PDB file of N, CA and C in Angstrom:
ATOM      1  N   UNK A   1       0.435  -1.355   0.216  1.00  0.00           N
ATOM      2  CA  UNK A   1       0.053   0.125  -0.503  1.00  0.00           C
ATOM      3  C   UNK A   1       0.973   1.309  -0.174  1.00  0.00           C
ATOM      4  N   UNK A   2       0.414   2.112  -0.961  1.00  0.00           N
ATOM      5  CA  UNK A   2       1.280   3.353  -0.761  1.00  0.00           C
ATOM      6  C   UNK A   2       1.220   4.077   0.663  1.00  0.00           C
ATOM      7  N   UNK A   3       1.766   4.763   0.605  1.00  0.00           N
ATOM      8  CA  UNK A   3       2.459   6.442   1.887  1.00  0.00           C
ATOM      9  C   UNK A   3       2.465   7.257   1.699  1.00  0.00           C
ATOM     10  N   UNK A   4       1.344   8.347   2.589  1.00  0.00           N
ATOM     11  CA  UNK A   4       1.499   9.500   2.439  1.00  0.00           C
ATOM     12  C   UNK A   4       2.566  10.367   3.548  1.00  0.00           C
ATOM     13  N   UNK A   5       3.478  10.665   2.866  1.00  0.00           N
ATOM     14  CA  UNK A   5       3.445  11.931   4.300  1.00  0.00           C
ATOM     15  C   UNK A   5       3.866  13.972   4.163  1.00  0.00           C
ATOM     16  N   UNK A   6       3.173  14.192   4.725  1.00  0.00           N
ATOM     17  CA  UNK A   6       2.935  15.338   5.551  1.00  0.00           C
ATOM     18  C   UNK A   6       4.087  16.610   5.629  1.00  0.00           C
ATOM     19  N   UNK A   7       3.877  17.450   5.419  1.00  0.00           N
ATOM     20  CA  UNK A   7       4.915  18.326   5.935  1.00  0.00           C
ATOM     21  C   UNK A   7       3.895  18.750   7.419  1.00  0.00           C
ATOM     22  N   UNK A   8       4.950  19.402   8.020  1.00  0.00           N
ATOM     23  CA  UNK A   8       4.090  20.316   9.222  1.00  0.00           C
ATOM     24  C   UNK A   8       3.679  21.470   9.609  1.00  0.00           C
ATOM     25  N   UNK A   9       3.735  21.851   7.800  1.00  0.00           N
ATOM     26  CA  UNK A   9       2.317  22.858   7.829  1.00  0.00           C
ATOM     27  C   UNK A   9       0.973  22.810   7.553  1.00  0.00           C
ATOM     28  N   UNK A  10       0.940  21.334   7.168  1.00  0.00           N
ATOM     29  CA  UNK A  10      -0.230  20.523   6.764  1.00  0.00           C
ATOM     30  C   UNK A  10      -0.652  20.150   8.259  1.00  0.00           C
ATOM     31  N   UNK A  11       0.143  19.693   9.357  1.00  0.00           N
ATOM     32  CA  UNK A  11      -0.551  19.135  10.157  1.00  0.00           C
ATOM     33  C   UNK A  11      -0.661  19.964  11.684  1.00  0.00           C
ATOM     34  N   UNK A  12      -0.253  21.562  11.686  1.00  0.00           N
ATOM     35  CA  UNK A  12      -1.128  22.094  11.865  1.00  0.00           C
ATOM     36  C   UNK A  12      -2.466  22.373  12.007  1.00  0.00           C
ATOM     37  N   UNK A  13      -2.966  22.126  11.105  1.00  0.00           N
ATOM     38  CA  UNK A  13      -4.118  22.443  10.488  1.00  0.00           C
ATOM     39  C   UNK A  13      -5.142  21.175  10.593  1.00  0.00           C
ATOM     40  N   UNK A  14      -4.751  20.163  10.954  1.00  0.00           N
ATOM     41  CA  UNK A  14      -5.296  18.775  10.777  1.00  0.00           C
ATOM     42  C   UNK A  14      -3.790  18.156  11.671  1.00  0.00           C
ATOM     43  N   UNK A  15      -5.388  18.305  12.989  1.00  0.00           N
ATOM     44  CA  UNK A  15      -4.419  17.640  14.464  1.00  0.00           C
ATOM     45  C   UNK A  15      -3.786  15.895  14.287  1.00  0.00           C
ATOM     46  N   UNK A  16      -3.293  15.362  13.975  1.00  0.00           N
ATOM     47  CA  UNK A  16      -3.401  14.306  14.427  1.00  0.00           C
ATOM     48  C   UNK A  16      -2.646  13.290  13.458  1.00  0.00           C
ATOM     49  N   UNK A  17      -3.013  14.755  11.722  1.00  0.00           N
ATOM     50  CA  UNK A  17      -2.464  13.747  10.735  1.00  0.00           C
ATOM     51  C   UNK A  17      -1.028  13.358  10.662  1.00  0.00           C
ATOM     52  N   UNK A  18      -0.732  11.846  10.301  1.00  0.00           N
ATOM     53  CA  UNK A  18       0.298  10.763  10.190  1.00  0.00           C
ATOM     54  C   UNK A  18       0.732  11.093   8.805  1.00  0.00           C
ATOM     55  N   UNK A  19       1.369   9.915   9.062  1.00  0.00           N
ATOM     56  CA  UNK A  19       2.045   8.930   7.631  1.00  0.00           C
ATOM     57  C   UNK A  19       0.452   8.331   7.428  1.00  0.00           C
ATOM     58  N   UNK A  20       0.033   8.430   6.351  1.00  0.00           N
ATOM     59  CA  UNK A  20      -1.205   7.646   5.855  1.00  0.00           C
ATOM     60  C   UNK A  20      -0.850   6.486   5.231  1.00  0.00           C
ATOM     61  N   UNK A  21      -1.516   4.957   4.901  1.00  0.00           N
ATOM     62  CA  UNK A  21      -1.769   4.671   3.869  1.00  0.00           C
ATOM     63  C   UNK A  21      -2.433   4.237   3.273  1.00  0.00           C
ATOM     64  N   UNK A  22      -2.650   4.058   2.479  1.00  0.00           N
ATOM     65  CA  UNK A  22      -4.101   3.993   1.170  1.00  0.00           C
ATOM     66  C   UNK A  22      -3.816   3.001   0.211  1.00  0.00           C
ATOM     67  N   UNK A  23      -5.218   2.725  -0.356  1.00  0.00           N
ATOM     68  CA  UNK A  23      -5.360   2.306  -1.439  1.00  0.00           C
ATOM     69  C   UNK A  23      -5.630   3.251  -2.637  1.00  0.00           C
ATOM     70  N   UNK A  24      -5.061   3.258  -3.411  1.00  0.00           N
ATOM     71  CA  UNK A  24      -4.738   3.512  -4.410  1.00  0.00           C
ATOM     72  C   UNK A  24      -4.034   3.265  -5.329  1.00  0.00           C
ATOM     73  N   UNK A  25      -4.325   3.393  -7.193  1.00  0.00           N
ATOM     74  CA  UNK A  25      -2.660   3.316  -8.597  1.00  0.00           C
ATOM     75  C   UNK A  25      -2.434   4.330  -9.087  1.00  0.00           C
ATOM     76  N   UNK A  26      -3.513   5.589  -9.055  1.00  0.00           N
ATOM     77  CA  UNK A  26      -2.946   6.988  -9.361  1.00  0.00           C
ATOM     78  C   UNK A  26      -3.008   7.858  -8.209  1.00  0.00           C
ATOM     79  N   UNK A  27      -1.789   8.715  -8.010  1.00  0.00           N
ATOM     80  CA  UNK A  27      -2.649  10.363  -7.450  1.00  0.00           C
ATOM     81  C   UNK A  27      -4.121  10.433  -6.943  1.00  0.00           C
ATOM     82  N   UNK A  28      -4.968  11.036  -7.774  1.00  0.00           N
ATOM     83  CA  UNK A  28      -6.377  11.246  -8.153  1.00  0.00           C
ATOM     84  C   UNK A  28      -7.486  10.235  -6.648  1.00  0.00           C
ATOM     85  N   UNK A  29      -6.194   8.689  -7.418  1.00  0.00           N
ATOM     86  CA  UNK A  29      -7.300   7.499  -6.114  1.00  0.00           C
ATOM     87  C   UNK A  29      -6.181   8.299  -5.124  1.00  0.00           C
ATOM     88  N   UNK A  30      -6.178   8.506  -5.125  1.00  0.00           N
ATOM     89  CA  UNK A  30      -5.217   8.461  -3.433  1.00  0.00           C
ATOM     90  C   UNK A  30      -5.963  10.363  -2.717  1.00  0.00           C
ATOM     91  N   UNK A  31      -5.311  11.159  -3.750  1.00  0.00           N
ATOM     92  CA  UNK A  31      -6.332  12.119  -2.603  1.00  0.00           C
ATOM     93  C   UNK A  31      -7.218  11.764  -2.281  1.00  0.00           C
ATOM     94  N   UNK A  32      -7.815  10.734  -2.912  1.00  0.00           N
ATOM     95  CA  UNK A  32      -9.429  10.702  -2.219  1.00  0.00           C
ATOM     96  C   UNK A  32     -10.044   9.685  -2.034  1.00  0.00           C
ATOM     97  N   UNK A  33      -8.581   9.162  -1.183  1.00  0.00           N
ATOM     98  CA  UNK A  33      -8.981   8.369  -0.195  1.00  0.00           C
ATOM     99  C   UNK A  33      -8.408   8.479   0.965  1.00  0.00           C
ATOM    100  N   UNK A  34      -7.020   9.912   0.777  1.00  0.00           N
ATOM    101  CA  UNK A  34      -6.762  10.906   2.204  1.00  0.00           C
ATOM    102  C   UNK A  34      -7.843  11.931   2.595  1.00  0.00           C
ATOM    103  N   UNK A  35      -8.678  12.494   1.537  1.00  0.00           N
ATOM    104  CA  UNK A  35     -10.266  13.406   2.025  1.00  0.00           C
ATOM    105  C   UNK A  35     -10.854  12.602   2.732  1.00  0.00           C
ATOM    106  N   UNK A  36     -11.307  11.131   2.342  1.00  0.00           N
ATOM    107  CA  UNK A  36     -11.903  10.744   3.431  1.00  0.00           C
ATOM    108  C   UNK A  36     -11.710  10.658   5.226  1.00  0.00           C
ATOM    109  N   UNK A  37     -10.409  10.913   5.044  1.00  0.00           N
ATOM    110  CA  UNK A  37      -9.807  10.184   6.409  1.00  0.00           C
ATOM    111  C   UNK A  37      -9.771  11.645   6.962  1.00  0.00           C
ATOM    112  N   UNK A  38      -9.666  12.768   6.462  1.00  0.00           N
ATOM    113  CA  UNK A  38      -9.258  14.196   7.523  1.00  0.00           C
ATOM    114  C   UNK A  38      -9.674  14.533   6.139  1.00  0.00           C
ATOM    115  N   UNK A  39     -10.893  15.099   6.167  1.00  0.00           N
ATOM    116  CA  UNK A  39     -12.318  15.916   5.254  1.00  0.00           C
ATOM    117  C   UNK A  39     -11.851  18.010   5.216  1.00  0.00           C
ATOM    118  N   UNK A  40     -11.784  17.611   3.890  1.00  0.00           N
ATOM    119  CA  UNK A  40     -11.386  19.472   3.689  1.00  0.00           C
ATOM    120  C   UNK A  40      -9.114  19.485   3.638  1.00  0.00           C
ATOM    121  N   UNK A  41      -8.763  19.047   3.658  1.00  0.00           N
ATOM    122  CA  UNK A  41      -7.000  18.021   3.415  1.00  0.00           C
ATOM    123  C   UNK A  41      -7.007  18.526   1.616  1.00  0.00           C
ATOM    124  N   UNK A  42      -8.356  17.940   1.276  1.00  0.00           N
ATOM    125  CA  UNK A  42      -8.085  17.802  -0.001  1.00  0.00           C
ATOM    126  C   UNK A  42      -7.444  19.636  -0.826  1.00  0.00           C
ATOM    127  N   UNK A  43      -8.184  20.328  -0.261  1.00  0.00           N
ATOM    128  CA  UNK A  43      -9.201  21.747  -0.406  1.00  0.00           C
ATOM    129  C   UNK A  43      -7.264  22.758  -0.294  1.00  0.00           C
ATOM    130  N   UNK A  44      -6.974  21.690   1.021  1.00  0.00           N
ATOM    131  CA  UNK A  44      -5.264  22.466   0.717  1.00  0.00           C
ATOM    132  C   UNK A  44      -4.614  22.000  -0.144  1.00  0.00           C
ATOM    133  N   UNK A  45      -4.395  21.219  -0.504  1.00  0.00           N
ATOM    134  CA  UNK A  45      -4.050  20.670  -1.706  1.00  0.00           C
ATOM    135  C   UNK A  45      -3.831  20.822  -3.494  1.00  0.00           C
ATOM    136  N   UNK A  46      -4.864  20.907  -3.468  1.00  0.00           N
ATOM    137  CA  UNK A  46      -6.066  21.309  -4.873  1.00  0.00           C
ATOM    138  C   UNK A  46      -6.553  22.295  -5.390  1.00  0.00           C
ATOM    139  N   UNK A  47      -6.753  22.696  -5.978  1.00  0.00           N
ATOM    140  CA  UNK A  47      -6.992  24.275  -6.145  1.00  0.00           C
ATOM    141  C   UNK A  47      -8.471  24.351  -6.650  1.00  0.00           C
ATOM    142  N   UNK A  48      -9.552  25.055  -6.773  1.00  0.00           N
ATOM    143  CA  UNK A  48     -11.325  24.444  -7.547  1.00  0.00           C
ATOM    144  C   UNK A  48     -11.676  24.334  -8.663  1.00  0.00           C
ATOM    145  N   UNK A  49      -9.597  23.827  -9.050  1.00  0.00           N
ATOM    146  CA  UNK A  49     -10.090  23.377 -10.322  1.00  0.00           C
ATOM    147  C   UNK A  49      -9.222  22.012 -10.670  1.00  0.00           C
ATOM    148  N   UNK A  50      -9.326  21.132  -8.870  1.00  0.00           N
ATOM    149  CA  UNK A  50      -8.783  19.990  -8.779  1.00  0.00           C
ATOM    150  C   UNK A  50      -6.599  19.283  -9.422  1.00  0.00           C
ATOM    151  N   UNK A  51      -6.510  20.704  -9.533  1.00  0.00           N
ATOM    152  CA  UNK A  51      -5.356  20.652  -9.955  1.00  0.00           C
ATOM    153  C   UNK A  51      -4.892  21.630  -8.635  1.00  0.00           C
ATOM    154  N   UNK A  52      -3.107  20.429  -8.901  1.00  0.00           N
ATOM    155  CA  UNK A  52      -2.138  21.242  -7.971  1.00  0.00           C
ATOM    156  C   UNK A  52      -1.992  22.349  -7.191  1.00  0.00           C
ATOM    157  N   UNK A  53      -1.946  23.293  -6.600  1.00  0.00           N
ATOM    158  CA  UNK A  53      -2.186  24.179  -6.075  1.00  0.00           C
ATOM    159  C   UNK A  53      -0.833  24.852  -6.467  1.00  0.00           C
ATOM    160  N   UNK A  54      -0.402  25.746  -6.209  1.00  0.00           N
ATOM    161  CA  UNK A  54       1.394  26.362  -7.292  1.00  0.00           C
ATOM    162  C   UNK A  54       1.696  26.632  -5.752  1.00  0.00           C
ATOM    163  N   UNK A  55       1.839  26.214  -4.663  1.00  0.00           N
ATOM    164  CA  UNK A  55       2.524  26.395  -3.712  1.00  0.00           C
ATOM    165  C   UNK A  55       2.743  25.099  -2.977  1.00  0.00           C
ATOM    166  N   UNK A  56       1.933  24.168  -4.077  1.00  0.00           N
ATOM    167  CA  UNK A  56       2.381  22.877  -3.596  1.00  0.00           C
ATOM    168  C   UNK A  56       3.115  21.830  -4.130  1.00  0.00           C
ATOM    169  N   UNK A  57       4.214  21.598  -3.388  1.00  0.00           N
ATOM    170  CA  UNK A  57       4.427  20.303  -4.770  1.00  0.00           C
ATOM    171  C   UNK A  57       3.911  18.799  -4.001  1.00  0.00           C
ATOM    172  N   UNK A  58       4.594  17.458  -5.016  1.00  0.00           N
ATOM    173  CA  UNK A  58       3.509  15.923  -4.790  1.00  0.00           C
ATOM    174  C   UNK A  58       5.392  15.596  -5.371  1.00  0.00           C
ATOM    175  N   UNK A  59       5.716  14.118  -4.816  1.00  0.00           N
ATOM    176  CA  UNK A  59       6.737  13.946  -5.005  1.00  0.00           C
ATOM    177  C   UNK A  59       6.235  12.252  -4.727  1.00  0.00           C
ATOM    178  N   UNK A  60       6.435  11.924  -5.790  1.00  0.00           N
ATOM    179  CA  UNK A  60       6.340   9.792  -5.679  1.00  0.00           C
ATOM    180  C   UNK A  60       7.549   9.414  -6.047  1.00  0.00           C
ATOM    181  N   UNK A  61       8.065   9.074  -5.003  1.00  0.00           N
ATOM    182  CA  UNK A  61       9.205   8.526  -4.792  1.00  0.00           C
ATOM    183  C   UNK A  61      10.366   9.663  -4.660  1.00  0.00           C
ATOM    184  N   UNK A  62      11.366  10.186  -5.036  1.00  0.00           N
ATOM    185  CA  UNK A  62      12.125  11.120  -5.397  1.00  0.00           C
ATOM    186  C   UNK A  62      11.122  11.628  -6.794  1.00  0.00           C
ATOM    187  N   UNK A  63      10.672  11.423  -7.752  1.00  0.00           N
ATOM    188  CA  UNK A  63      10.169  12.253  -8.815  1.00  0.00           C
ATOM    189  C   UNK A  63       9.209  12.928  -8.532  1.00  0.00           C
ATOM    190  N   UNK A  64       9.458  14.579  -8.826  1.00  0.00           N
ATOM    191  CA  UNK A  64       8.121  15.423  -9.075  1.00  0.00           C
ATOM    192  C   UNK A  64       7.171  15.309  -9.333  1.00  0.00           C
ATOM    193  N   UNK A  65       6.235  15.233  -9.558  1.00  0.00           N
ATOM    194  CA  UNK A  65       4.891  14.558  -9.902  1.00  0.00           C
ATOM    195  C   UNK A  65       5.010  15.492 -11.884  1.00  0.00           C
ATOM    196  N   UNK A  66       3.849  14.874 -12.246  1.00  0.00           N
ATOM    197  CA  UNK A  66       3.844  15.078 -13.725  1.00  0.00           C
ATOM    198  C   UNK A  66       2.893  15.491 -14.221  1.00  0.00           C
ATOM    199  N   UNK A  67       2.048  15.419 -13.585  1.00  0.00           N
ATOM    200  CA  UNK A  67       0.338  15.738 -13.833  1.00  0.00           C
ATOM    201  C   UNK A  67      -0.212  16.416 -12.352  1.00  0.00           C
ATOM    202  N   UNK A  68      -0.115  17.509 -12.504  1.00  0.00           N
ATOM    203  CA  UNK A  68      -1.099  19.018 -11.541  1.00  0.00           C
ATOM    204  C   UNK A  68      -1.500  18.547 -11.534  1.00  0.00           C
ATOM    205  N   UNK A  69      -2.673  19.117 -13.258  1.00  0.00           N
ATOM    206  CA  UNK A  69      -4.065  19.247 -13.482  1.00  0.00           C
ATOM    207  C   UNK A  69      -5.090  18.275 -12.987  1.00  0.00           C
ATOM    208  N   UNK A  70      -4.174  16.813 -13.443  1.00  0.00           N
ATOM    209  CA  UNK A  70      -5.650  15.834 -13.494  1.00  0.00           C
ATOM    210  C   UNK A  70      -5.225  15.059 -11.893  1.00  0.00           C
ATOM    211  N   UNK A  71      -3.650  14.564 -12.176  1.00  0.00           N
ATOM    212  CA  UNK A  71      -3.045  13.762 -11.178  1.00  0.00           C
ATOM    213  C   UNK A  71      -3.455  12.317 -11.406  1.00  0.00           C
ATOM    214  N   UNK A  72      -3.137  12.372 -12.490  1.00  0.00           N
ATOM    215  CA  UNK A  72      -2.286  11.047 -13.269  1.00  0.00           C
ATOM    216  C   UNK A  72      -1.197  10.454 -13.537  1.00  0.00           C
ATOM    217  N   UNK A  73      -0.383  10.774 -12.360  1.00  0.00           N
ATOM    218  CA  UNK A  73       0.629   9.816 -11.901  1.00  0.00           C
ATOM    219  C   UNK A  73       1.008   8.575 -11.611  1.00  0.00           C
ATOM    220  N   UNK A  74       1.532   7.407 -11.781  1.00  0.00           N
ATOM    221  CA  UNK A  74       0.841   6.517 -11.321  1.00  0.00           C
ATOM    222  C   UNK A  74       1.688   6.413 -10.530  1.00  0.00           C
ATOM    223  N   UNK A  75       1.099   5.154  -9.347  1.00  0.00           N
ATOM    224  CA  UNK A  75       1.767   5.265  -7.912  1.00  0.00           C
ATOM    225  C   UNK A  75       1.917   3.794  -7.893  1.00  0.00           C
ATOM    226  N   UNK A  76       2.955   3.161  -7.431  1.00  0.00           N
ATOM    227  CA  UNK A  76       3.048   1.647  -7.204  1.00  0.00           C
ATOM    228  C   UNK A  76       3.179   1.294  -6.337  1.00  0.00           C
ATOM    229  N   UNK A  77       2.142  -0.464  -5.462  1.00  0.00           N
ATOM    230  CA  UNK A  77       2.019  -0.401  -4.983  1.00  0.00           C
ATOM    231  C   UNK A  77       2.458  -0.323  -3.285  1.00  0.00           C
ATOM    232  N   UNK A  78       3.744  -0.046  -3.105  1.00  0.00           N
ATOM    233  CA  UNK A  78       4.620   0.371  -1.972  1.00  0.00           C
ATOM    234  C   UNK A  78       5.390   1.704  -2.395  1.00  0.00           C
ATOM    235  N   UNK A  79       5.945   2.616  -2.948  1.00  0.00           N
ATOM    236  CA  UNK A  79       5.925   3.771  -2.673  1.00  0.00           C
ATOM    237  C   UNK A  79       5.504   4.912  -2.379  1.00  0.00           C
ATOM    238  N   UNK A  80       6.750   5.624  -1.788  1.00  0.00           N
ATOM    239  CA  UNK A  80       5.912   6.664  -0.719  1.00  0.00           C
ATOM    240  C   UNK A  80       5.703   8.184  -1.127  1.00  0.00           C
ATOM    241  N   UNK A  81       4.864   9.385  -0.899  1.00  0.00           N
ATOM    242  CA  UNK A  81       4.645  10.406  -1.339  1.00  0.00           C
ATOM    243  C   UNK A  81       5.000  11.697  -0.484  1.00  0.00           C
ATOM    244  N   UNK A  82       5.368  12.374  -1.239  1.00  0.00           N
ATOM    245  CA  UNK A  82       5.862  13.207   0.362  1.00  0.00           C
ATOM    246  C   UNK A  82       4.628  14.567  -0.418  1.00  0.00           C
ATOM    247  N   UNK A  83       4.303  15.602   0.347  1.00  0.00           N
ATOM    248  CA  UNK A  83       3.112  15.967  -0.361  1.00  0.00           C
ATOM    249  C   UNK A  83       3.701  17.360   0.555  1.00  0.00           C
ATOM    250  N   UNK A  84       4.137  18.407  -0.099  1.00  0.00           N
ATOM    251  CA  UNK A  84       5.216  19.763   0.399  1.00  0.00           C
ATOM    252  C   UNK A  84       3.889  21.055   0.311  1.00  0.00           C
ATOM    253  N   UNK A  85       4.047  22.310   1.637  1.00  0.00           N
ATOM    254  CA  UNK A  85       3.326  23.004   0.946  1.00  0.00           C
ATOM    255  C   UNK A  85       5.137  23.991   1.143  1.00  0.00           C
ATOM    256  N   UNK A  86       5.027  24.923   0.068  1.00  0.00           N
ATOM    257  CA  UNK A  86       5.574  25.959   0.023  1.00  0.00           C
ATOM    258  C   UNK A  86       5.361  26.944   1.391  1.00  0.00           C
ATOM    259  N   UNK A  87       6.330  26.920   2.159  1.00  0.00           N
ATOM    260  CA  UNK A  87       6.459  28.850   2.618  1.00  0.00           C
ATOM    261  C   UNK A  87       6.612  29.820   2.820  1.00  0.00           C
ATOM    262  N   UNK A  88       5.892  31.056   2.687  1.00  0.00           N
ATOM    263  CA  UNK A  88       6.657  31.920   2.741  1.00  0.00           C
ATOM    264  C   UNK A  88       7.270  33.343   3.477  1.00  0.00           C
ATOM    265  N   UNK A  89       8.097  33.932   3.482  1.00  0.00           N
ATOM    266  CA  UNK A  89       8.343  34.735   4.613  1.00  0.00           C
ATOM    267  C   UNK A  89       9.880  34.677   5.130  1.00  0.00           C
ATOM    268  N   UNK A  90      10.155  34.945   6.792  1.00  0.00           N
ATOM    269  CA  UNK A  90      11.165  35.631   6.591  1.00  0.00           C
ATOM    270  C   UNK A  90      11.187  35.610   7.527  1.00  0.00           C
TER     271      UNK A  90
END
C-alpha cells in the first residue's frame, strides 16, 4: 500500500495527521482516499479546478509529479508520496 507523508505546515491545520497508508494506483485516487480520512485536506492541496495548488509540490518517490492538473501519475504498491507546502516569509 502506498504511504503519504505531509509537512508540518499541513499538520497544524489537521491535528493528528500522520503518515497515511492508503489504496490507489493513481495520485488522484490516493488524494480522494486521503480526503475520506481527513475531510478538507484536499482543499489545501488542490485548487478549485482540482489541480495541485501553485505553492504545493507532490513527489512520488524522488520524482516530482508530472500531471499537476488531473493527478494521473501512477503510484506503485509500496511507493512513498510526499506532499510539501511551500512557505514564504522570513
